[in-house]
Amino acid sequence: MTGLDWPGLMRAGLTGLRLRPAEFWALTPAELFMMLGLDEGAGPLDRAGLETLMARFPDGPKGQDDG
């Protein structure tokens, strides 16, 4: 699994977009990508996209996140 390039995204957000750290960390990755113009071609989530997300981020066993 490939992760996000946080150092690169932080550099782009803090230096390129001149965001304050609190503003940067308040953004979702989707919002940051949109601000950076990296969301081209993004569209609605379809069944294949949902299945990809489910495979990449599976739910834990039932009750695992219960407080």
PDB file of N, CA and C in Angstrom:
ATOM      1  N   MET A   1       0.844  -1.172   0.000  1.00  0.00           N
ATOM      2  CA  MET A   1       0.000   0.000   0.000  1.00  0.00           C
ATOM      3  C   MET A   1       0.892   1.239   0.000  1.00  0.00           C
ATOM      4  N   THR A   2       0.598   2.165  -0.869  1.00  0.00           N
ATOM      5  CA  THR A   2       1.358   3.407  -0.901  1.00  0.00           C
ATOM      6  C   THR A   2       0.644   4.447  -0.069  1.00  0.00           C
ATOM      7  N   GLY A   3       1.414   5.178   0.709  1.00  0.00           N
ATOM      8  CA  GLY A   3       0.843   6.206   1.564  1.00  0.00           C
ATOM      9  C   GLY A   3       0.916   7.568   0.902  1.00  0.00           C
ATOM     10  N   LEU A   4       0.452   8.542   1.629  1.00  0.00           N
ATOM     11  CA  LEU A   4       0.524   9.916   1.158  1.00  0.00           C
ATOM     12  C   LEU A   4       1.913  10.470   1.411  1.00  0.00           C
ATOM     13  N   ASP A   5       2.370  11.337   0.544  1.00  0.00           N
ATOM     14  CA  ASP A   5       3.657  12.011   0.700  1.00  0.00           C
ATOM     15  C   ASP A   5       3.450  13.213   1.616  1.00  0.00           C
ATOM     16  N   TRP A   6       3.364  12.946   2.946  1.00  0.00           N
ATOM     17  CA  TRP A   6       3.061  14.026   3.883  1.00  0.00           C
ATOM     18  C   TRP A   6       4.083  15.152   3.831  1.00  0.00           C
ATOM     19  N   PRO A   7       5.404  14.871   3.780  1.00  0.00           N
ATOM     20  CA  PRO A   7       6.342  15.995   3.693  1.00  0.00           C
ATOM     21  C   PRO A   7       6.094  16.863   2.453  1.00  0.00           C
ATOM     22  N   GLY A   8       5.827  16.220   1.323  1.00  0.00           N
ATOM     23  CA  GLY A   8       5.552  16.976   0.100  1.00  0.00           C
ATOM     24  C   GLY A   8       4.250  17.749   0.182  1.00  0.00           C
ATOM     25  N   LEU A   9       3.215  17.106   0.751  1.00  0.00           N
ATOM     26  CA  LEU A   9       1.933  17.793   0.893  1.00  0.00           C
ATOM     27  C   LEU A   9       2.036  18.953   1.881  1.00  0.00           C
ATOM     28  N   MET A  10       2.780  18.749   2.967  1.00  0.00           N
ATOM     29  CA  MET A  10       2.972  19.836   3.933  1.00  0.00           C
ATOM     30  C   MET A  10       3.727  21.001   3.296  1.00  0.00           C
ATOM     31  N   ARG A  11       4.754  20.683   2.527  1.00  0.00           N
ATOM     32  CA  ARG A  11       5.525  21.728   1.847  1.00  0.00           C
ATOM     33  C   ARG A  11       4.620  22.501   0.882  1.00  0.00           C
ATOM     34  N   ALA A  12       3.794  21.783   0.121  1.00  0.00           N
ATOM     35  CA  ALA A  12       2.889  22.438  -0.823  1.00  0.00           C
ATOM     36  C   ALA A  12       1.843  23.275  -0.098  1.00  0.00           C
ATOM     37  N   GLY A  13       1.296  22.741   0.995  1.00  0.00           N
ATOM     38  CA  GLY A  13       0.264  23.459   1.720  1.00  0.00           C
ATOM     39  C   GLY A  13       0.790  24.659   2.497  1.00  0.00           C
ATOM     40  N   LEU A  14       1.883  24.457   3.221  1.00  0.00           N
ATOM     41  CA  LEU A  14       2.410  25.518   4.071  1.00  0.00           C
ATOM     42  C   LEU A  14       3.191  26.564   3.287  1.00  0.00           C
ATOM     43  N   THR A  15       3.946  26.127   2.292  1.00  0.00           N
ATOM     44  CA  THR A  15       4.765  27.059   1.520  1.00  0.00           C
ATOM     45  C   THR A  15       4.030  27.557   0.278  1.00  0.00           C
ATOM     46  N   GLY A  16       3.530  26.612  -0.519  1.00  0.00           N
ATOM     47  CA  GLY A  16       2.883  26.988  -1.773  1.00  0.00           C
ATOM     48  C   GLY A  16       1.538  27.680  -1.582  1.00  0.00           C
ATOM     49  N   LEU A  17       0.696  27.122  -0.725  1.00  0.00           N
ATOM     50  CA  LEU A  17      -0.627  27.699  -0.489  1.00  0.00           C
ATOM     51  C   LEU A  17      -0.628  28.698   0.667  1.00  0.00           C
ATOM     52  N   ARG A  18       0.488  28.757   1.389  1.00  0.00           N
ATOM     53  CA  ARG A  18       0.643  29.670   2.532  1.00  0.00           C
ATOM     54  C   ARG A  18      -0.422  29.454   3.605  1.00  0.00           C
ATOM     55  N   LEU A  19      -0.732  28.177   3.842  1.00  0.00           N
ATOM     56  CA  LEU A  19      -1.669  27.833   4.906  1.00  0.00           C
ATOM     57  C   LEU A  19      -0.957  27.862   6.248  1.00  0.00           C
ATOM     58  N   ARG A  20      -1.666  28.202   7.288  1.00  0.00           N
ATOM     59  CA  ARG A  20      -1.133  28.059   8.643  1.00  0.00           C
ATOM     60  C   ARG A  20      -1.205  26.582   9.000  1.00  0.00           C
ATOM     61  N   PRO A  21      -0.344  26.115   9.899  1.00  0.00           N
ATOM     62  CA  PRO A  21      -0.388  24.688  10.253  1.00  0.00           C
ATOM     63  C   PRO A  21      -1.777  24.209  10.673  1.00  0.00           C
ATOM     64  N   ALA A  22      -2.485  24.979  11.481  1.00  0.00           N
ATOM     65  CA  ALA A  22      -3.827  24.567  11.908  1.00  0.00           C
ATOM     66  C   ALA A  22      -4.778  24.466  10.719  1.00  0.00           C
ATOM     67  N   GLU A  23      -4.628  25.353   9.754  1.00  0.00           N
ATOM     68  CA  GLU A  23      -5.469  25.301   8.553  1.00  0.00           C
ATOM     69  C   GLU A  23      -5.145  24.056   7.732  1.00  0.00           C
ATOM     70  N   PHE A  24      -3.839  23.767   7.604  1.00  0.00           N
ATOM     71  CA  PHE A  24      -3.417  22.584   6.856  1.00  0.00           C
ATOM     72  C   PHE A  24      -4.003  21.315   7.470  1.00  0.00           C
ATOM     73  N   TRP A  25      -3.843  21.148   8.790  1.00  0.00           N
ATOM     74  CA  TRP A  25      -4.283  19.916   9.447  1.00  0.00           C
ATOM     75  C   TRP A  25      -5.795  19.819   9.554  1.00  0.00           C
ATOM     76  N   ALA A  26      -6.508  20.924   9.378  1.00  0.00           N
ATOM     77  CA  ALA A  26      -7.975  20.892   9.403  1.00  0.00           C
ATOM     78  C   ALA A  26      -8.547  20.399   8.076  1.00  0.00           C
ATOM     79  N   LEU A  27      -7.737  20.396   7.024  1.00  0.00           N
ATOM     80  CA  LEU A  27      -8.203  19.952   5.706  1.00  0.00           C
ATOM     81  C   LEU A  27      -8.228  18.432   5.613  1.00  0.00           C
ATOM     82  N   THR A  28      -9.148  17.926   4.817  1.00  0.00           N
ATOM     83  CA  THR A  28      -9.091  16.516   4.448  1.00  0.00           C
ATOM     84  C   THR A  28      -8.118  16.390   3.285  1.00  0.00           C
ATOM     85  N   PRO A  29      -7.562  15.197   3.039  1.00  0.00           N
ATOM     86  CA  PRO A  29      -6.707  15.049   1.851  1.00  0.00           C
ATOM     87  C   PRO A  29      -7.430  15.463   0.569  1.00  0.00           C
ATOM     88  N   ALA A  30      -8.714  15.157   0.455  1.00  0.00           N
ATOM     89  CA  ALA A  30      -9.466  15.535  -0.758  1.00  0.00           C
ATOM     90  C   ALA A  30      -9.508  17.053  -0.921  1.00  0.00           C
ATOM     91  N   GLU A  31      -9.717  17.771   0.169  1.00  0.00           N
ATOM     92  CA  GLU A  31      -9.748  19.236   0.095  1.00  0.00           C
ATOM     93  C   GLU A  31      -8.383  19.791  -0.308  1.00  0.00           C
ATOM     94  N   LEU A  32      -7.328  19.226   0.278  1.00  0.00           N
ATOM     95  CA  LEU A  32      -5.978  19.683  -0.059  1.00  0.00           C
ATOM     96  C   LEU A  32      -5.669  19.402  -1.521  1.00  0.00           C
ATOM     97  N   PHE A  33      -6.002  18.205  -1.999  1.00  0.00           N
ATOM     98  CA  PHE A  33      -5.762  17.872  -3.401  1.00  0.00           C
ATOM     99  C   PHE A  33      -6.510  18.834  -4.319  1.00  0.00           C
ATOM    100  N   MET A  34      -7.746  19.188  -3.949  1.00  0.00           N
ATOM    101  CA  MET A  34      -8.523  20.115  -4.762  1.00  0.00           C
ATOM    102  C   MET A  34      -7.843  21.482  -4.796  1.00  0.00           C
ATOM    103  N   MET A  35      -7.371  21.945  -3.654  1.00  0.00           N
ATOM    104  CA  MET A  35      -6.700  23.241  -3.588  1.00  0.00           C
ATOM    105  C   MET A  35      -5.416  23.256  -4.405  1.00  0.00           C
ATOM    106  N   LEU A  36      -4.754  22.107  -4.470  1.00  0.00           N
ATOM    107  CA  LEU A  36      -3.507  21.994  -5.234  1.00  0.00           C
ATOM    108  C   LEU A  36      -3.744  21.675  -6.704  1.00  0.00           C
ATOM    109  N   GLY A  37      -5.006  21.452  -7.081  1.00  0.00           N
ATOM    110  CA  GLY A  37      -5.329  21.128  -8.472  1.00  0.00           C
ATOM    111  C   GLY A  37      -4.998  19.699  -8.831  1.00  0.00           C
ATOM    112  N   LEU A  38      -4.937  18.810  -7.828  1.00  0.00           N
ATOM    113  CA  LEU A  38      -4.567  17.414  -8.067  1.00  0.00           C
ATOM    114  C   LEU A  38      -5.772  16.490  -8.157  1.00  0.00           C
ATOM    115  N   ASP A  39      -6.977  17.053  -8.160  1.00  0.00           N
ATOM    116  CA  ASP A  39      -8.175  16.219  -8.161  1.00  0.00           C
ATOM    117  C   ASP A  39      -8.786  16.065  -9.540  1.00  0.00           C
ATOM    118  N   GLU A  40      -8.068  16.451 -10.586  1.00  0.00           N
ATOM    119  CA  GLU A  40      -8.616  16.347 -11.940  1.00  0.00           C
ATOM    120  C   GLU A  40      -8.999  14.913 -12.239  1.00  0.00           C
ATOM    121  N   GLY A  41     -10.153  14.758 -12.813  1.00  0.00           N
ATOM    122  CA  GLY A  41     -10.630  13.423 -13.143  1.00  0.00           C
ATOM    123  C   GLY A  41     -11.359  12.757 -12.000  1.00  0.00           C
ATOM    124  N   ALA A  42     -11.384  13.414 -10.832  1.00  0.00           N
ATOM    125  CA  ALA A  42     -12.117  12.843  -9.708  1.00  0.00           C
ATOM    126  C   ALA A  42     -13.608  12.918 -10.007  1.00  0.00           C
ATOM    127  N   GLY A  43     -14.291  11.868  -9.721  1.00  0.00           N
ATOM    128  CA  GLY A  43     -15.721  11.831  -9.964  1.00  0.00           C
ATOM    129  C   GLY A  43     -16.427  11.157  -8.816  1.00  0.00           C
ATOM    130  N   PRO A  44     -17.692  10.884  -9.000  1.00  0.00           N
ATOM    131  CA  PRO A  44     -18.436  10.220  -7.937  1.00  0.00           C
ATOM    132  C   PRO A  44     -17.905   8.812  -7.689  1.00  0.00           C
ATOM    133  N   LEU A  45     -18.078   8.355  -6.477  1.00  0.00           N
ATOM    134  CA  LEU A  45     -17.645   7.015  -6.105  1.00  0.00           C
ATOM    135  C   LEU A  45     -18.580   5.988  -6.736  1.00  0.00           C
ATOM    136  N   ASP A  46     -18.018   5.085  -7.520  1.00  0.00           N
ATOM    137  CA  ASP A  46     -18.822   4.024  -8.127  1.00  0.00           C
ATOM    138  C   ASP A  46     -18.574   2.717  -7.371  1.00  0.00           C
ATOM    139  N   ARG A  47     -19.228   1.662  -7.801  1.00  0.00           N
ATOM    140  CA  ARG A  47     -19.120   0.377  -7.102  1.00  0.00           C
ATOM    141  C   ARG A  47     -17.677  -0.128  -7.066  1.00  0.00           C
ATOM    142  N   ALA A  48     -16.973  -0.003  -8.181  1.00  0.00           N
ATOM    143  CA  ALA A  48     -15.581  -0.464  -8.240  1.00  0.00           C
ATOM    144  C   ALA A  48     -14.712   0.339  -7.277  1.00  0.00           C
ATOM    145  N   GLY A  49     -14.955   1.652  -7.205  1.00  0.00           N
ATOM    146  CA  GLY A  49     -14.198   2.487  -6.281  1.00  0.00           C
ATOM    147  C   GLY A  49     -14.484   2.128  -4.836  1.00  0.00           C
ATOM    148  N   LEU A  50     -15.762   1.840  -4.530  1.00  0.00           N
ATOM    149  CA  LEU A  50     -16.132   1.434  -3.184  1.00  0.00           C
ATOM    150  C   LEU A  50     -15.455   0.118  -2.810  1.00  0.00           C
ATOM    151  N   GLU A  51     -15.448  -0.841  -3.729  1.00  0.00           N
ATOM    152  CA  GLU A  51     -14.810  -2.128  -3.459  1.00  0.00           C
ATOM    153  C   GLU A  51     -13.312  -1.970  -3.243  1.00  0.00           C
ATOM    154  N   THR A  52     -12.693  -1.065  -4.002  1.00  0.00           N
ATOM    155  CA  THR A  52     -11.268  -0.794  -3.820  1.00  0.00           C
ATOM    156  C   THR A  52     -11.010  -0.213  -2.433  1.00  0.00           C
ATOM    157  N   LEU A  53     -11.840   0.745  -2.012  1.00  0.00           N
ATOM    158  CA  LEU A  53     -11.686   1.320  -0.680  1.00  0.00           C
ATOM    159  C   LEU A  53     -11.916   0.289   0.414  1.00  0.00           C
ATOM    160  N   MET A  54     -12.909  -0.565   0.226  1.00  0.00           N
ATOM    161  CA  MET A  54     -13.203  -1.598   1.220  1.00  0.00           C
ATOM    162  C   MET A  54     -12.046  -2.576   1.353  1.00  0.00           C
ATOM    163  N   ALA A  55     -11.407  -2.895   0.232  1.00  0.00           N
ATOM    164  CA  ALA A  55     -10.264  -3.812   0.275  1.00  0.00           C
ATOM    165  C   ALA A  55      -9.055  -3.133   0.918  1.00  0.00           C
ATOM    166  N   ARG A  56      -8.886  -1.841   0.649  1.00  0.00           N
ATOM    167  CA  ARG A  56      -7.728  -1.113   1.171  1.00  0.00           C
ATOM    168  C   ARG A  56      -7.884  -0.792   2.655  1.00  0.00           C
ATOM    169  N   PHE A  57      -9.105  -0.522   3.090  1.00  0.00           N
ATOM    170  CA  PHE A  57      -9.369  -0.143   4.475  1.00  0.00           C
ATOM    171  C   PHE A  57     -10.487  -1.008   5.043  1.00  0.00           C
ATOM    172  N   PRO A  58     -10.206  -2.288   5.299  1.00  0.00           N
ATOM    173  CA  PRO A  58     -11.260  -3.182   5.794  1.00  0.00           C
ATOM    174  C   PRO A  58     -11.678  -2.819   7.215  1.00  0.00           C
ATOM    175  N   ASP A  59     -12.937  -3.081   7.505  1.00  0.00           N
ATOM    176  CA  ASP A  59     -13.435  -2.913   8.870  1.00  0.00           C
ATOM    177  C   ASP A  59     -12.786  -3.951   9.758  1.00  0.00           C
ATOM    178  N   GLY A  60     -12.599  -3.593  11.009  1.00  0.00           N
ATOM    179  CA  GLY A  60     -12.071  -4.555  11.979  1.00  0.00           C
ATOM    180  C   GLY A  60     -13.181  -5.491  12.415  1.00  0.00           C
ATOM    181  N   PRO A  61     -12.841  -6.453  13.248  1.00  0.00           N
ATOM    182  CA  PRO A  61     -13.865  -7.371  13.769  1.00  0.00           C
ATOM    183  C   PRO A  61     -14.978  -6.586  14.476  1.00  0.00           C
ATOM    184  N   LYS A  62     -16.172  -7.102  14.407  1.00  0.00           N
ATOM    185  CA  LYS A  62     -17.317  -6.437  15.018  1.00  0.00           C
ATOM    186  C   LYS A  62     -17.052  -6.197  16.501  1.00  0.00           C
ATOM    187  N   GLY A  63     -17.341  -4.970  16.965  1.00  0.00           N
ATOM    188  CA  GLY A  63     -17.131  -4.623  18.352  1.00  0.00           C
ATOM    189  C   GLY A  63     -15.761  -4.083  18.666  1.00  0.00           C
ATOM    190  N   GLN A  64     -14.844  -4.110  17.696  1.00  0.00           N
ATOM    191  CA  GLN A  64     -13.470  -3.662  17.951  1.00  0.00           C
ATOM    192  C   GLN A  64     -13.424  -2.174  18.300  1.00  0.00           C
ATOM    193  N   ASP A  65     -14.232  -1.346  17.651  1.00  0.00           N
ATOM    194  CA  ASP A  65     -14.199   0.092  17.882  1.00  0.00           C
ATOM    195  C   ASP A  65     -15.211   0.541  18.901  1.00  0.00           C
ATOM    196  N   ASP A  66     -15.974  -0.360  19.464  1.00  0.00           N
ATOM    197  CA  ASP A  66     -16.974   0.022  20.460  1.00  0.00           C
ATOM    198  C   ASP A  66     -16.259   0.496  21.720  1.00  0.00           C
ATOM    199  N   GLY A  67     -16.752   1.646  22.246  1.00  0.00           N
ATOM    200  CA  GLY A  67     -16.113   2.292  23.363  1.00  0.00           C
ATOM    201  C   GLY A  67     -16.199   1.591  24.627  1.00  0.00           C
TER     202      GLY A  67
END
